[in-house]
Amino acid sequence: MPKEEINWSDFAKIDIRIGTIVSAEIFEEARNPAYKLSIDFGDIGIKKSSAQITKLYETNDIVGKQVVAVVNFPPKQIANIMSECLLLGGLGINKEVVLLQPERFVQNGTEVG
């Protein structure tokens, strides 16, 4: 079921960027299986995130991958880290997340529009 309709100014408030995962480790303190990630967004810096992507990805497979994330949410405390961005992905039937990725390399920090 589609969500509530928004207007262009609502969408324009969302800052979606491309970044590269520079580190990934198992997030042992998280309630649900997750990884602690550090993602390089170029000029806006490296941001931390908690991502529940353990069903389809291993930590050593995602380091170096470019991903798409929302970078202008306020930081959110998740267990013992402050998550500073939200990775975007397709949500499967069993809630497995398939990461959204650019089809070719782009500069870290590139805006998505």
Protein backbone atom coordinates (compact mmCIF):
# COMPACT_ATOMS: atom_id res chain seq x y z
CA MET A 1 0.00 0.00 0.00
CA PRO A 2 1.49 3.37 -0.98
CA LYS A 3 2.22 5.86 1.80
CA GLU A 4 0.74 9.32 2.19
CA GLU A 5 1.41 11.63 -0.76
CA ILE A 6 4.07 14.28 -0.16
CA ASN A 7 4.93 17.40 -2.10
CA TRP A 8 8.22 18.44 -3.67
CA SER A 9 9.23 20.62 -0.71
CA ASP A 10 8.87 17.60 1.62
CA PHE A 11 11.19 15.54 -0.58
CA ALA A 12 13.66 18.43 -0.97
CA LYS A 13 14.28 18.38 2.79
CA ILE A 14 15.81 14.89 2.61
CA ASP A 15 19.59 14.90 2.11
CA ILE A 16 20.43 11.63 0.35
CA ARG A 17 24.11 11.02 -0.46
CA ILE A 18 26.47 8.39 -1.82
CA GLY A 19 29.21 7.18 0.51
CA THR A 20 31.74 4.37 0.80
CA ILE A 21 31.74 1.94 3.71
CA VAL A 22 35.21 2.22 5.27
CA SER A 23 34.69 -0.12 8.24
CA ALA A 24 32.16 -2.71 9.34
CA GLU A 25 31.98 -4.82 12.48
CA ILE A 26 29.42 -6.97 14.24
CA PHE A 27 27.28 -4.84 16.57
CA GLU A 28 27.19 -7.20 19.53
CA GLU A 29 25.30 -4.77 21.79
CA ALA A 30 22.37 -4.30 19.37
CA ARG A 31 19.01 -5.90 20.17
CA ASN A 32 18.63 -7.22 16.61
CA PRO A 33 21.50 -8.55 14.49
CA ALA A 34 23.30 -5.56 12.99
CA TYR A 35 26.63 -4.12 11.95
CA LYS A 36 28.38 -0.95 13.10
CA LEU A 37 29.46 0.92 9.99
CA SER A 38 31.62 3.94 9.25
CA ILE A 39 30.77 5.54 5.92
CA ASP A 40 32.85 8.16 4.11
CA PHE A 41 30.68 10.92 2.62
CA GLY A 42 33.53 13.04 1.27
CA ASP A 43 33.28 16.71 2.25
CA ILE A 44 30.62 16.05 4.90
CA GLY A 45 32.86 13.54 6.66
CA ILE A 46 32.69 10.01 7.97
CA LYS A 47 29.40 9.08 9.62
CA LYS A 48 28.52 6.10 11.80
CA SER A 49 25.48 3.92 11.28
CA SER A 50 23.88 0.80 12.66
CA ALA A 51 22.53 -1.38 9.86
CA GLN A 52 20.44 -4.53 10.09
CA ILE A 53 21.91 -6.04 6.94
CA THR A 54 23.35 -9.25 8.41
CA LYS A 55 21.04 -11.62 6.48
CA LEU A 56 22.64 -10.90 3.11
CA TYR A 57 26.01 -9.30 3.83
CA GLU A 58 29.23 -10.18 5.68
CA THR A 59 31.40 -7.42 7.15
CA ASN A 60 34.39 -8.22 4.94
CA ASP A 61 32.20 -8.13 1.80
CA ILE A 62 30.78 -4.63 2.30
CA VAL A 63 33.90 -2.64 3.16
CA GLY A 64 34.69 -0.59 0.07
CA LYS A 65 31.13 -0.70 -1.30
CA GLN A 66 29.36 2.51 -2.16
CA VAL A 67 25.93 2.92 -0.59
CA VAL A 68 23.04 5.38 -0.53
CA ALA A 69 22.04 6.98 2.78
CA VAL A 70 20.00 9.76 4.33
CA VAL A 71 22.49 12.01 6.14
CA ASN A 72 20.32 14.70 7.72
CA PHE A 73 18.43 12.81 10.40
CA PRO A 74 19.38 13.85 13.93
CA PRO A 75 21.82 11.38 15.56
CA LYS A 76 20.03 8.45 17.21
CA GLN A 77 21.37 6.45 20.15
CA ILE A 78 21.38 2.75 19.32
CA ALA A 79 22.84 0.72 22.18
CA ASN A 80 26.34 2.19 22.66
CA ILE A 81 26.72 4.20 19.41
CA MET A 82 25.16 7.31 17.93
CA SER A 83 23.84 6.44 14.48
CA GLU A 84 24.36 9.47 12.21
CA CYS A 85 22.84 8.29 8.93
CA LEU A 86 20.34 5.80 7.55
CA LEU A 87 21.36 3.37 4.82
CA LEU A 88 18.74 2.81 2.15
CA GLY A 89 17.80 -0.56 0.76
CA GLY A 90 15.03 -2.69 -0.61
CA LEU A 91 13.12 -4.57 2.08
CA GLY A 92 12.41 -8.18 1.17
CA ILE A 93 9.56 -10.46 2.24
CA ASN A 94 11.56 -11.75 5.23
CA LYS A 95 12.80 -8.24 6.09
CA GLU A 96 16.19 -8.87 4.49
CA VAL A 97 17.71 -5.63 3.23
CA VAL A 98 19.27 -5.31 -0.23
CA LEU A 99 21.46 -2.21 -0.19
CA LEU A 100 20.87 0.49 -2.78
CA GLN A 101 24.10 1.18 -4.66
CA PRO A 102 25.08 3.38 -7.59
CA GLU A 103 25.61 1.41 -10.79
CA ARG A 104 29.05 2.98 -11.19
CA PHE A 105 31.54 4.72 -8.93
CA VAL A 106 30.76 8.33 -8.01
CA GLN A 107 32.52 10.78 -5.71
CA ASN A 108 31.73 10.27 -2.02
CA GLY A 109 29.21 12.86 -0.87
CA THR A 110 27.43 13.01 -4.23
CA GLU A 111 23.82 14.12 -3.74
CA VAL A 112 20.96 11.91 -4.89
CA GLY A 113 18.04 13.72 -6.47
